[in-house]
Amino acid sequence: MKILIATGIYPPDIGGPAKYAKSLRDEFTKLGHKVKIVKYRIEKKVPIGIRHCLYFLRVVLNLPKTDLIIALDTFSVAFPAVLAGKIFGKKVIIRVGGDFLWETYVEKTGNLITLEQFYTKKPKLPLKHKIIALLQKFTLKNATALAFNTKWQKEFFEKIYNLDKAKTFVIENFYGLKKKTKEDRLKEKIFLFAGRKIKFKNLELIQDIFQGLKSENKDLKFEIVSGLSSQDLEKKIRHCYALIVPSISDFAPNFIIEGLSFNKPFILTKNCGLCEKLRDVGIFVNPFDKEDIKNKILFLANEKNYKKYKKKIVNFNFLHSWTDIANEFLRI
């Protein structure tokens, strides 16, 4: 097959979609397929709308050599890819890893509303977000198939967008082999967050909690890192005490999955697609309950509790390779 992967970023860009696109390309190539990557170039520098038109034209130029399009978001590349596919009769699979509409609404307005509340309470949207809502709905409805990374997100989107269940699937994220690491004696108990510093990640609340904990436990630290290469992020994970992702809602944060390969205990929002899979090995919190989060941090800071949860993660050995992921796309 001739496969076009539509992505906003690609190495040397840093980020989950960039790594996903490259890994998928490598696996498809190994399986004998021809792969074309169409990533954002000048589109990164122009306003929304214009960027979609430019990207649409670039996708169309590659369609004569394409059997299948795989788009790695729900709006920025997916909308022009689905529109091109619909006009020219090409199949398009969207990997639904997040929700552009909700994420950008929270970032724009500062209204810390959960994903579920956003769709059930339906807050008044700015004009720009009304347009995004219409285009995202068109995109999801008109894709050939949708690949969600968790069952939780799949079922939620099916309900909210009234999707045809025959075209919705689950392709889980990459879960790799455990990394061989020696146990470092940690001088400080660093709780690490890695990712974009955006509002739905709820980082201000965590910073405030750790500031208050200084008087109770001077060993406890909170560190935020962003924009690191894979190698630098691995170093940070190796030398931290635990991971923490307190988002008001989240999908399947790769940072937590990456931490599993280093057997790192974690604290994660309960409004998340990973709860079902990892409920027995992780610690989950109400992202709006400051006292709950504080108590869970202190709980994990206790050596006995830490060793208990570390053992649970050591015994968690689920694997999902890039070969599995590529084959699941082809099966769809």
C-alpha atoms as a PDB file:
ATOM      1  CA  MET A   1       0.000   0.000   0.000  1.00  0.00           C
ATOM      2  CA  LYS A   2       0.887   3.657  -0.378  1.00  0.00           C
ATOM      3  CA  ILE A   3       0.195   5.310   2.973  1.00  0.00           C
ATOM      4  CA  LEU A   4       0.174   9.035   3.726  1.00  0.00           C
ATOM      5  CA  ILE A   5       0.703  10.004   7.378  1.00  0.00           C
ATOM      6  CA  ALA A   6      -0.694  13.468   8.131  1.00  0.00           C
ATOM      7  CA  THR A   7       0.977  15.026  11.164  1.00  0.00           C
ATOM      8  CA  GLY A   8       1.581  18.490  12.542  1.00  0.00           C
ATOM      9  CA  ILE A   9       5.065  17.618  13.805  1.00  0.00           C
ATOM     10  CA  TYR A  10       7.780  15.126  12.914  1.00  0.00           C
ATOM     11  CA  PRO A  11      11.387  14.633  14.120  1.00  0.00           C
ATOM     12  CA  PRO A  12      13.506  16.641  14.748  1.00  0.00           C
ATOM     13  CA  ASP A  13      10.369  18.226  16.274  1.00  0.00           C
ATOM     14  CA  ILE A  14       9.829  17.034  19.848  1.00  0.00           C
ATOM     15  CA  GLY A  15       6.506  15.633  21.006  1.00  0.00           C
ATOM     16  CA  GLY A  16       4.273  12.596  21.147  1.00  0.00           C
ATOM     17  CA  PRO A  17       2.768  12.933  17.626  1.00  0.00           C
ATOM     18  CA  ALA A  18       6.269  13.332  16.126  1.00  0.00           C
ATOM     19  CA  LYS A  19       7.486  10.117  17.763  1.00  0.00           C
ATOM     20  CA  TYR A  20       4.247   8.342  16.830  1.00  0.00           C
ATOM     21  CA  ALA A  21       4.509   9.363  13.167  1.00  0.00           C
ATOM     22  CA  LYS A  22       8.133   8.236  12.847  1.00  0.00           C
ATOM     23  CA  SER A  23       7.585   4.931  14.631  1.00  0.00           C
ATOM     24  CA  LEU A  24       4.530   4.188  12.496  1.00  0.00           C
ATOM     25  CA  ARG A  25       6.431   5.066   9.340  1.00  0.00           C
ATOM     26  CA  ASP A  26       9.299   2.755  10.308  1.00  0.00           C
ATOM     27  CA  GLU A  27       6.938  -0.165  10.975  1.00  0.00           C
ATOM     28  CA  PHE A  28       4.934   0.279   7.761  1.00  0.00           C
ATOM     29  CA  THR A  29       8.192   0.423   5.805  1.00  0.00           C
ATOM     30  CA  LYS A  30       9.391  -2.826   7.422  1.00  0.00           C
ATOM     31  CA  LEU A  31       6.114  -4.436   6.349  1.00  0.00           C
ATOM     32  CA  GLY A  32       6.792  -3.451   2.721  1.00  0.00           C
ATOM     33  CA  HIS A  33       4.485  -0.458   2.392  1.00  0.00           C
ATOM     34  CA  LYS A  34       5.442   2.910   0.933  1.00  0.00           C
ATOM     35  CA  VAL A  35       4.990   5.817   3.315  1.00  0.00           C
ATOM     36  CA  LYS A  36       4.792   9.552   2.699  1.00  0.00           C
ATOM     37  CA  ILE A  37       4.927  11.986   5.638  1.00  0.00           C
ATOM     38  CA  VAL A  38       3.110  15.291   5.168  1.00  0.00           C
ATOM     39  CA  LYS A  39       3.912  17.514   8.161  1.00  0.00           C
ATOM     40  CA  TYR A  40       3.298  21.164   8.905  1.00  0.00           C
ATOM     41  CA  ARG A  41       5.915  23.495   7.437  1.00  0.00           C
ATOM     42  CA  ILE A  42       4.873  27.070   6.673  1.00  0.00           C
ATOM     43  CA  GLU A  43       1.473  26.156   8.181  1.00  0.00           C
ATOM     44  CA  LYS A  44       2.998  26.580  11.658  1.00  0.00           C
ATOM     45  CA  LYS A  45       3.455  30.300  11.006  1.00  0.00           C
ATOM     46  CA  VAL A  46       0.098  31.280   9.530  1.00  0.00           C
ATOM     47  CA  PRO A  47      -3.352  31.788  11.144  1.00  0.00           C
ATOM     48  CA  ILE A  48      -5.919  29.042  11.545  1.00  0.00           C
ATOM     49  CA  GLY A  49      -7.984  28.702   8.370  1.00  0.00           C
ATOM     50  CA  ILE A  50      -5.141  29.725   6.083  1.00  0.00           C
ATOM     51  CA  ARG A  51      -3.002  26.924   7.477  1.00  0.00           C
ATOM     52  CA  HIS A  52      -5.825  24.435   6.805  1.00  0.00           C
ATOM     53  CA  CYS A  53      -6.139  25.619   3.190  1.00  0.00           C
ATOM     54  CA  LEU A  54      -2.390  25.316   2.596  1.00  0.00           C
ATOM     55  CA  TYR A  55      -2.249  21.896   4.194  1.00  0.00           C
ATOM     56  CA  PHE A  56      -5.305  20.722   2.223  1.00  0.00           C
ATOM     57  CA  LEU A  57      -3.515  21.606  -1.039  1.00  0.00           C
ATOM     58  CA  ARG A  58      -0.377  19.725   0.028  1.00  0.00           C
ATOM     59  CA  VAL A  59      -2.431  16.636   0.896  1.00  0.00           C
ATOM     60  CA  VAL A  60      -4.272  16.813  -2.445  1.00  0.00           C
ATOM     61  CA  LEU A  61      -0.963  16.964  -4.347  1.00  0.00           C
ATOM     62  CA  ASN A  62       0.016  13.637  -2.754  1.00  0.00           C
ATOM     63  CA  LEU A  63      -3.290  11.836  -3.290  1.00  0.00           C
ATOM     64  CA  PRO A  64      -2.497  10.271  -6.711  1.00  0.00           C
ATOM     65  CA  LYS A  65       0.166   8.187  -4.930  1.00  0.00           C
ATOM     66  CA  THR A  66      -1.964   7.376  -1.884  1.00  0.00           C
ATOM     67  CA  ASP A  67      -4.200   4.444  -0.935  1.00  0.00           C
ATOM     68  CA  LEU A  68      -4.744   5.359   2.708  1.00  0.00           C
ATOM     69  CA  ILE A  69      -4.396   8.485   4.860  1.00  0.00           C
ATOM     70  CA  ILE A  70      -3.691   8.245   8.595  1.00  0.00           C
ATOM     71  CA  ALA A  71      -4.202  11.565  10.405  1.00  0.00           C
ATOM     72  CA  LEU A  72      -2.702  12.049  13.861  1.00  0.00           C
ATOM     73  CA  ASP A  73      -5.087  14.592  15.406  1.00  0.00           C
ATOM     74  CA  THR A  74      -8.744  15.608  15.323  1.00  0.00           C
ATOM     75  CA  PHE A  75      -8.524  19.014  13.671  1.00  0.00           C
ATOM     76  CA  SER A  76      -5.241  20.603  12.549  1.00  0.00           C
ATOM     77  CA  VAL A  77      -4.314  17.895  10.024  1.00  0.00           C
ATOM     78  CA  ALA A  78      -7.432  15.718  10.251  1.00  0.00           C
ATOM     79  CA  PHE A  79      -9.914  18.270   8.892  1.00  0.00           C
ATOM     80  CA  PRO A  80      -8.016  19.015   5.655  1.00  0.00           C
ATOM     81  CA  ALA A  81      -7.136  15.305   5.283  1.00  0.00           C
ATOM     82  CA  VAL A  82     -10.762  14.170   5.693  1.00  0.00           C
ATOM     83  CA  LEU A  83     -11.989  16.894   3.335  1.00  0.00           C
ATOM     84  CA  ALA A  84      -9.456  15.819   0.698  1.00  0.00           C
ATOM     85  CA  GLY A  85     -10.333  12.162   1.226  1.00  0.00           C
ATOM     86  CA  LYS A  86     -14.043  12.837   0.882  1.00  0.00           C
ATOM     87  CA  ILE A  87     -13.636  14.839  -2.346  1.00  0.00           C
ATOM     88  CA  PHE A  88     -11.199  12.423  -3.985  1.00  0.00           C
ATOM     89  CA  GLY A  89     -12.495   9.122  -2.618  1.00  0.00           C
ATOM     90  CA  LYS A  90      -9.587   8.183  -0.341  1.00  0.00           C
ATOM     91  CA  LYS A  91      -9.851   6.293   2.945  1.00  0.00           C
ATOM     92  CA  VAL A  92      -8.881   8.237   6.065  1.00  0.00           C
ATOM     93  CA  ILE A  93      -8.240   6.828   9.534  1.00  0.00           C
ATOM     94  CA  ILE A  94      -7.987   9.402  12.323  1.00  0.00           C
ATOM     95  CA  ARG A  95      -6.021   8.563  15.433  1.00  0.00           C
ATOM     96  CA  VAL A  96      -8.005  10.338  18.143  1.00  0.00           C
ATOM     97  CA  GLY A  97      -5.504  11.018  20.915  1.00  0.00           C
ATOM     98  CA  GLY A  98      -7.136  14.120  22.405  1.00  0.00           C
ATOM     99  CA  ASP A  99      -9.835  16.728  21.865  1.00  0.00           C
ATOM    100  CA  PHE A 100      -8.662  19.919  20.149  1.00  0.00           C
ATOM    101  CA  LEU A 101     -11.952  21.738  20.825  1.00  0.00           C
ATOM    102  CA  TRP A 102     -12.008  21.210  24.595  1.00  0.00           C
ATOM    103  CA  GLU A 103      -8.247  21.696  25.045  1.00  0.00           C
ATOM    104  CA  THR A 104      -8.152  25.015  23.184  1.00  0.00           C
ATOM    105  CA  TYR A 105     -11.350  26.239  24.888  1.00  0.00           C
ATOM    106  CA  VAL A 106      -9.813  25.690  28.348  1.00  0.00           C
ATOM    107  CA  GLU A 107      -6.565  27.337  27.256  1.00  0.00           C
ATOM    108  CA  LYS A 108      -8.326  30.360  25.732  1.00  0.00           C
ATOM    109  CA  THR A 109     -10.883  31.021  28.467  1.00  0.00           C
ATOM    110  CA  GLY A 110      -9.109  29.720  31.572  1.00  0.00           C
ATOM    111  CA  ASN A 111     -12.370  27.957  32.507  1.00  0.00           C
ATOM    112  CA  LEU A 112     -11.092  24.772  34.187  1.00  0.00           C
ATOM    113  CA  ILE A 113     -13.972  22.568  33.123  1.00  0.00           C
ATOM    114  CA  THR A 114     -13.653  18.798  32.682  1.00  0.00           C
ATOM    115  CA  LEU A 115     -14.089  17.145  29.307  1.00  0.00           C
ATOM    116  CA  GLU A 116     -17.402  15.658  30.427  1.00  0.00           C
ATOM    117  CA  GLN A 117     -18.699  18.956  31.853  1.00  0.00           C
ATOM    118  CA  PHE A 118     -17.723  20.762  28.651  1.00  0.00           C
ATOM    119  CA  TYR A 119     -19.954  18.551  26.535  1.00  0.00           C
ATOM    120  CA  THR A 120     -22.836  18.147  29.006  1.00  0.00           C
ATOM    121  CA  LYS A 121     -23.090  21.734  30.295  1.00  0.00           C
ATOM    122  CA  LYS A 122     -22.216  23.229  26.886  1.00  0.00           C
ATOM    123  CA  PRO A 123     -20.720  26.588  27.958  1.00  0.00           C
ATOM    124  CA  LYS A 124     -21.095  29.570  25.655  1.00  0.00           C
ATOM    125  CA  LEU A 125     -18.342  29.348  23.048  1.00  0.00           C
ATOM    126  CA  PRO A 126     -16.384  32.200  21.450  1.00  0.00           C
ATOM    127  CA  LEU A 127     -17.016  32.470  17.681  1.00  0.00           C
ATOM    128  CA  LYS A 128     -13.665  30.836  16.860  1.00  0.00           C
ATOM    129  CA  HIS A 129     -14.550  27.801  18.967  1.00  0.00           C
ATOM    130  CA  LYS A 130     -18.027  27.560  17.457  1.00  0.00           C
ATOM    131  CA  ILE A 131     -16.332  27.202  14.059  1.00  0.00           C
ATOM    132  CA  ILE A 132     -13.846  24.651  15.437  1.00  0.00           C
ATOM    133  CA  ALA A 133     -16.770  22.683  16.938  1.00  0.00           C
ATOM    134  CA  LEU A 134     -18.526  22.473  13.566  1.00  0.00           C
ATOM    135  CA  LEU A 135     -15.356  21.476  11.702  1.00  0.00           C
ATOM    136  CA  GLN A 136     -14.312  18.908  14.318  1.00  0.00           C
ATOM    137  CA  LYS A 137     -17.771  17.319  14.202  1.00  0.00           C
ATOM    138  CA  PHE A 138     -17.606  17.195  10.379  1.00  0.00           C
ATOM    139  CA  THR A 139     -14.149  15.606  10.595  1.00  0.00           C
ATOM    140  CA  LEU A 140     -15.122  12.870  13.060  1.00  0.00           C
ATOM    141  CA  LYS A 141     -18.350  12.082  11.237  1.00  0.00           C
ATOM    142  CA  ASN A 142     -16.768  11.865   7.784  1.00  0.00           C
ATOM    143  CA  ALA A 143     -13.592   9.898   8.523  1.00  0.00           C
ATOM    144  CA  THR A 144     -13.545   6.338   7.219  1.00  0.00           C
ATOM    145  CA  ALA A 145     -12.554   5.093  10.676  1.00  0.00           C
ATOM    146  CA  LEU A 146     -11.542   6.449  14.080  1.00  0.00           C
ATOM    147  CA  ALA A 147      -8.817   4.862  16.221  1.00  0.00           C
ATOM    148  CA  PHE A 148      -9.006   5.868  19.887  1.00  0.00           C
ATOM    149  CA  ASN A 149      -6.219   5.091  22.332  1.00  0.00           C
ATOM    150  CA  THR A 150      -8.579   3.988  25.135  1.00  0.00           C
ATOM    151  CA  LYS A 151     -12.000   2.383  25.419  1.00  0.00           C
ATOM    152  CA  TRP A 152     -13.010   5.241  27.768  1.00  0.00           C
ATOM    153  CA  GLN A 153     -12.446   7.869  25.087  1.00  0.00           C
ATOM    154  CA  LYS A 154     -14.024   5.740  22.359  1.00  0.00           C
ATOM    155  CA  GLU A 155     -17.259   5.286  24.300  1.00  0.00           C
ATOM    156  CA  PHE A 156     -17.356   8.952  25.327  1.00  0.00           C
ATOM    157  CA  PHE A 157     -16.941  10.233  21.749  1.00  0.00           C
ATOM    158  CA  GLU A 158     -19.470   7.698  20.401  1.00  0.00           C
ATOM    159  CA  LYS A 159     -22.044   9.128  22.805  1.00  0.00           C
ATOM    160  CA  ILE A 160     -21.217  12.829  22.395  1.00  0.00           C
ATOM    161  CA  TYR A 161     -20.888  12.816  18.598  1.00  0.00           C
ATOM    162  CA  ASN A 162     -23.391  10.009  17.931  1.00  0.00           C
ATOM    163  CA  LEU A 163     -20.735   8.108  15.990  1.00  0.00           C
ATOM    164  CA  ASP A 164     -21.272   4.946  13.996  1.00  0.00           C
ATOM    165  CA  LYS A 165     -19.823   2.219  16.251  1.00  0.00           C
ATOM    166  CA  ALA A 166     -18.921   0.139  13.198  1.00  0.00           C
ATOM    167  CA  LYS A 167     -16.177   2.644  12.362  1.00  0.00           C
ATOM    168  CA  THR A 168     -14.735   3.212  15.851  1.00  0.00           C
ATOM    169  CA  PHE A 169     -11.797   1.150  17.153  1.00  0.00           C
ATOM    170  CA  VAL A 170      -9.249   1.133  19.966  1.00  0.00           C
ATOM    171  CA  ILE A 171      -5.512   1.152  19.228  1.00  0.00           C
ATOM    172  CA  GLU A 172      -3.672   1.496  22.520  1.00  0.00           C
ATOM    173  CA  ASN A 173      -0.486   3.477  22.900  1.00  0.00           C
ATOM    174  CA  PHE A 174       2.974   1.937  22.804  1.00  0.00           C
ATOM    175  CA  TYR A 175       3.895  -0.061  25.920  1.00  0.00           C
ATOM    176  CA  GLY A 176       7.534  -1.151  25.724  1.00  0.00           C
ATOM    177  CA  LEU A 177       9.777  -3.569  27.557  1.00  0.00           C
ATOM    178  CA  LYS A 178      10.966  -2.604  31.006  1.00  0.00           C
ATOM    179  CA  LYS A 179      14.262  -0.691  30.988  1.00  0.00           C
ATOM    180  CA  LYS A 180      17.198  -2.111  32.913  1.00  0.00           C
ATOM    181  CA  THR A 181      18.135   0.451  35.522  1.00  0.00           C
ATOM    182  CA  LYS A 182      20.121   0.377  38.707  1.00  0.00           C
ATOM    183  CA  GLU A 183      18.382   1.689  41.799  1.00  0.00           C
ATOM    184  CA  ASP A 184      19.770   5.136  42.585  1.00  0.00           C
ATOM    185  CA  ARG A 185      19.672   6.357  46.159  1.00  0.00           C
ATOM    186  CA  LEU A 186      17.673   9.540  45.753  1.00  0.00           C
ATOM    187  CA  LYS A 187      18.715  12.559  47.819  1.00  0.00           C
ATOM    188  CA  GLU A 188      15.381  14.270  47.171  1.00  0.00           C
ATOM    189  CA  LYS A 189      11.910  12.968  46.479  1.00  0.00           C
ATOM    190  CA  ILE A 190      11.248  14.658  43.156  1.00  0.00           C
ATOM    191  CA  PHE A 191       7.714  14.361  41.766  1.00  0.00           C
ATOM    192  CA  LEU A 192       8.091  14.944  38.041  1.00  0.00           C
ATOM    193  CA  PHE A 193       5.699  16.327  35.445  1.00  0.00           C
ATOM    194  CA  ALA A 194       6.711  16.351  31.769  1.00  0.00           C
ATOM    195  CA  GLY A 195       4.617  17.860  29.016  1.00  0.00           C
ATOM    196  CA  ARG A 196       3.088  21.056  27.754  1.00  0.00           C
ATOM    197  CA  LYS A 197       2.554  23.807  30.348  1.00  0.00           C
ATOM    198  CA  ILE A 198      -1.081  24.334  29.488  1.00  0.00           C
ATOM    199  CA  LYS A 199      -4.059  25.091  31.685  1.00  0.00           C
ATOM    200  CA  PHE A 200      -5.893  21.771  31.593  1.00  0.00           C
ATOM    201  CA  LYS A 201      -2.795  20.115  33.082  1.00  0.00           C
ATOM    202  CA  ASN A 202      -3.667  21.888  36.382  1.00  0.00           C
ATOM    203  CA  LEU A 203      -0.042  22.656  37.274  1.00  0.00           C
ATOM    204  CA  GLU A 204      -0.641  25.822  39.310  1.00  0.00           C
ATOM    205  CA  LEU A 205      -2.593  23.833  41.888  1.00  0.00           C
ATOM    206  CA  ILE A 206       0.239  21.300  42.263  1.00  0.00           C
ATOM    207  CA  GLN A 207       2.846  24.040  42.610  1.00  0.00           C
ATOM    208  CA  ASP A 208       0.731  25.589  45.354  1.00  0.00           C
ATOM    209  CA  ILE A 209       0.410  22.218  47.142  1.00  0.00           C
ATOM    210  CA  PHE A 210       4.159  21.568  47.093  1.00  0.00           C
ATOM    211  CA  GLN A 211       4.825  25.108  48.291  1.00  0.00           C
ATOM    212  CA  GLY A 212       2.630  24.360  51.301  1.00  0.00           C
ATOM    213  CA  LEU A 213       4.342  21.011  51.910  1.00  0.00           C
ATOM    214  CA  LYS A 214       7.780  22.608  52.335  1.00  0.00           C
ATOM    215  CA  SER A 215       7.193  23.069  56.056  1.00  0.00           C
ATOM    216  CA  GLU A 216       6.048  19.455  56.493  1.00  0.00           C
ATOM    217  CA  ASN A 217       8.647  17.661  54.401  1.00  0.00           C
ATOM    218  CA  LYS A 218      11.681  19.473  53.007  1.00  0.00           C
ATOM    219  CA  ASP A 219      12.685  16.452  50.893  1.00  0.00           C
ATOM    220  CA  LEU A 220       9.611  16.767  48.654  1.00  0.00           C
ATOM    221  CA  LYS A 221      10.154  18.608  45.356  1.00  0.00           C
ATOM    222  CA  PHE A 222       8.003  19.235  42.293  1.00  0.00           C
ATOM    223  CA  GLU A 223       9.679  19.609  38.909  1.00  0.00           C
ATOM    224  CA  ILE A 224       8.130  20.554  35.576  1.00  0.00           C
ATOM    225  CA  VAL A 225       9.982  19.828  32.336  1.00  0.00           C
ATOM    226  CA  SER A 226       8.852  20.591  28.806  1.00  0.00           C
ATOM    227  CA  GLY A 227      10.210  20.205  25.279  1.00  0.00           C
ATOM    228  CA  LEU A 228      12.859  17.608  26.153  1.00  0.00           C
ATOM    229  CA  SER A 229      14.247  15.085  23.697  1.00  0.00           C
ATOM    230  CA  SER A 230      13.405  11.418  24.359  1.00  0.00           C
ATOM    231  CA  GLN A 231      16.900  10.818  25.745  1.00  0.00           C
ATOM    232  CA  ASP A 232      16.779  13.795  28.118  1.00  0.00           C
ATOM    233  CA  LEU A 233      13.296  12.871  29.300  1.00  0.00           C
ATOM    234  CA  GLU A 234      14.472   9.321  30.037  1.00  0.00           C
ATOM    235  CA  LYS A 235      17.233  10.722  32.239  1.00  0.00           C
ATOM    236  CA  LYS A 236      14.734  12.828  34.142  1.00  0.00           C
ATOM    237  CA  ILE A 237      12.429   9.850  34.689  1.00  0.00           C
ATOM    238  CA  ARG A 238      15.311   7.605  35.802  1.00  0.00           C
ATOM    239  CA  HIS A 239      16.353  10.038  38.524  1.00  0.00           C
ATOM    240  CA  CYS A 240      12.959  11.171  39.797  1.00  0.00           C
ATOM    241  CA  TYR A 241      11.040   9.685  42.732  1.00  0.00           C
ATOM    242  CA  ALA A 242       7.597   9.491  41.130  1.00  0.00           C
ATOM    243  CA  LEU A 243       5.506  10.924  38.300  1.00  0.00           C
ATOM    244  CA  ILE A 244       2.488  13.169  38.701  1.00  0.00           C
ATOM    245  CA  VAL A 245      -0.145  14.235  36.133  1.00  0.00           C
ATOM    246  CA  PRO A 246      -2.996  16.158  37.844  1.00  0.00           C
ATOM    247  CA  SER A 247      -4.949  17.233  34.719  1.00  0.00           C
ATOM    248  CA  ILE A 248      -8.578  18.304  35.124  1.00  0.00           C
ATOM    249  CA  SER A 249      -9.180  15.649  32.438  1.00  0.00           C
ATOM    250  CA  ASP A 250      -6.736  13.665  30.324  1.00  0.00           C
ATOM    251  CA  PHE A 251      -6.706  10.887  27.766  1.00  0.00           C
ATOM    252  CA  ALA A 252      -3.761   8.458  27.895  1.00  0.00           C
ATOM    253  CA  PRO A 253      -0.688  10.494  28.857  1.00  0.00           C
ATOM    254  CA  ASN A 254       2.404   8.914  27.324  1.00  0.00           C
ATOM    255  CA  PHE A 255       4.498  10.331  30.143  1.00  0.00           C
ATOM    256  CA  ILE A 256       2.838   7.934  32.594  1.00  0.00           C
ATOM    257  CA  ILE A 257       3.221   4.989  30.206  1.00  0.00           C
ATOM    258  CA  GLU A 258       6.881   5.875  29.699  1.00  0.00           C
ATOM    259  CA  GLY A 259       7.341   5.884  33.463  1.00  0.00           C
ATOM    260  CA  LEU A 260       6.002   2.324  33.690  1.00  0.00           C
ATOM    261  CA  SER A 261       9.013   1.096  31.718  1.00  0.00           C
ATOM    262  CA  PHE A 262      11.228   2.519  34.484  1.00  0.00           C
ATOM    263  CA  ASN A 263       8.983   1.072  37.237  1.00  0.00           C
ATOM    264  CA  LYS A 264       8.167   4.549  38.551  1.00  0.00           C
ATOM    265  CA  PRO A 265       5.130   4.947  40.831  1.00  0.00           C
ATOM    266  CA  PHE A 266       2.722   7.681  39.767  1.00  0.00           C
ATOM    267  CA  ILE A 267      -0.156   9.926  40.782  1.00  0.00           C
ATOM    268  CA  LEU A 268      -2.696  10.517  38.011  1.00  0.00           C
ATOM    269  CA  THR A 269      -6.017  12.298  37.595  1.00  0.00           C
ATOM    270  CA  LYS A 270      -9.013  10.001  37.898  1.00  0.00           C
ATOM    271  CA  ASN A 271     -10.635  11.807  34.938  1.00  0.00           C
ATOM    272  CA  CYS A 272      -8.513   9.819  32.534  1.00  0.00           C
ATOM    273  CA  GLY A 273      -8.611   7.064  29.941  1.00  0.00           C
ATOM    274  CA  LEU A 274      -5.878   5.082  31.712  1.00  0.00           C
ATOM    275  CA  CYS A 275      -7.836   4.552  34.945  1.00  0.00           C
ATOM    276  CA  GLU A 276      -9.381   1.270  33.874  1.00  0.00           C
ATOM    277  CA  LYS A 277      -6.087  -0.244  32.719  1.00  0.00           C
ATOM    278  CA  LEU A 278      -3.887   1.031  35.536  1.00  0.00           C
ATOM    279  CA  ARG A 279      -6.298   1.258  38.484  1.00  0.00           C
ATOM    280  CA  ASP A 280      -4.526  -1.575  40.337  1.00  0.00           C
ATOM    281  CA  VAL A 281      -0.995  -0.194  39.917  1.00  0.00           C
ATOM    282  CA  GLY A 282      -1.336   3.569  40.313  1.00  0.00           C
ATOM    283  CA  ILE A 283      -2.672   6.256  42.634  1.00  0.00           C
ATOM    284  CA  PHE A 284      -5.575   8.333  41.310  1.00  0.00           C
ATOM    285  CA  VAL A 285      -6.794  11.728  42.533  1.00  0.00           C
ATOM    286  CA  ASN A 286      -9.669  14.157  42.191  1.00  0.00           C
ATOM    287  CA  PRO A 287      -7.951  17.027  40.314  1.00  0.00           C
ATOM    288  CA  PHE A 288     -10.174  19.619  42.008  1.00  0.00           C
ATOM    289  CA  ASP A 289      -9.641  18.332  45.558  1.00  0.00           C
ATOM    290  CA  LYS A 290      -6.508  19.985  46.935  1.00  0.00           C
ATOM    291  CA  GLU A 291      -6.627  17.993  50.162  1.00  0.00           C
ATOM    292  CA  ASP A 292      -6.968  14.683  48.304  1.00  0.00           C
ATOM    293  CA  ILE A 293      -3.937  15.434  46.134  1.00  0.00           C
ATOM    294  CA  LYS A 294      -1.873  16.589  49.113  1.00  0.00           C
ATOM    295  CA  ASN A 295      -2.713  13.434  51.088  1.00  0.00           C
ATOM    296  CA  LYS A 296      -1.857  11.177  48.136  1.00  0.00           C
ATOM    297  CA  ILE A 297       1.520  12.911  47.709  1.00  0.00           C
ATOM    298  CA  LEU A 298       2.307  12.396  51.403  1.00  0.00           C
ATOM    299  CA  PHE A 299       1.052   8.805  51.162  1.00  0.00           C
ATOM    300  CA  LEU A 300       3.433   8.027  48.297  1.00  0.00           C
ATOM    301  CA  ALA A 301       6.267   9.867  50.044  1.00  0.00           C
ATOM    302  CA  ASN A 302       6.071   7.193  52.761  1.00  0.00           C
ATOM    303  CA  GLU A 303       8.761   4.568  52.001  1.00  0.00           C
ATOM    304  CA  LYS A 304       6.517   1.608  52.847  1.00  0.00           C
ATOM    305  CA  ASN A 305       3.734   2.789  50.545  1.00  0.00           C
ATOM    306  CA  TYR A 306       6.236   3.676  47.823  1.00  0.00           C
ATOM    307  CA  LYS A 307       7.738   0.166  47.824  1.00  0.00           C
ATOM    308  CA  LYS A 308       4.242  -1.357  47.712  1.00  0.00           C
ATOM    309  CA  TYR A 309       3.281   0.570  44.570  1.00  0.00           C
ATOM    310  CA  LYS A 310       6.682   0.075  42.978  1.00  0.00           C
ATOM    311  CA  LYS A 311       6.245  -3.687  43.346  1.00  0.00           C
ATOM    312  CA  LYS A 312       2.835  -3.470  41.670  1.00  0.00           C
ATOM    313  CA  ILE A 313       4.392  -1.683  38.687  1.00  0.00           C
ATOM    314  CA  VAL A 314       7.303  -4.143  38.516  1.00  0.00           C
ATOM    315  CA  ASN A 315       4.684  -6.889  38.137  1.00  0.00           C
ATOM    316  CA  PHE A 316       2.805  -4.975  35.416  1.00  0.00           C
ATOM    317  CA  ASN A 317       4.179  -6.348  32.152  1.00  0.00           C
ATOM    318  CA  PHE A 318       1.648  -5.423  29.456  1.00  0.00           C
ATOM    319  CA  LEU A 319       3.334  -4.971  26.052  1.00  0.00           C
ATOM    320  CA  HIS A 320       2.012  -3.262  22.924  1.00  0.00           C
ATOM    321  CA  SER A 321       4.678  -2.850  20.252  1.00  0.00           C
ATOM    322  CA  TRP A 322       4.864  -0.526  17.265  1.00  0.00           C
ATOM    323  CA  THR A 323       4.486  -3.637  15.085  1.00  0.00           C
ATOM    324  CA  ASP A 324       1.206  -4.364  16.888  1.00  0.00           C
ATOM    325  CA  ILE A 325       0.070  -0.775  16.353  1.00  0.00           C
ATOM    326  CA  ALA A 326       0.933  -0.773  12.634  1.00  0.00           C
ATOM    327  CA  ASN A 327      -0.849  -4.093  12.075  1.00  0.00           C
ATOM    328  CA  GLU A 328      -3.939  -2.843  13.924  1.00  0.00           C
ATOM    329  CA  PHE A 329      -4.149   0.175  11.609  1.00  0.00           C
ATOM    330  CA  LEU A 330      -3.865  -2.130   8.597  1.00  0.00           C
ATOM    331  CA  ARG A 331      -6.537  -4.440  10.032  1.00  0.00           C
ATOM    332  CA  ILE A 332      -8.929  -1.482  10.258  1.00  0.00           C
END
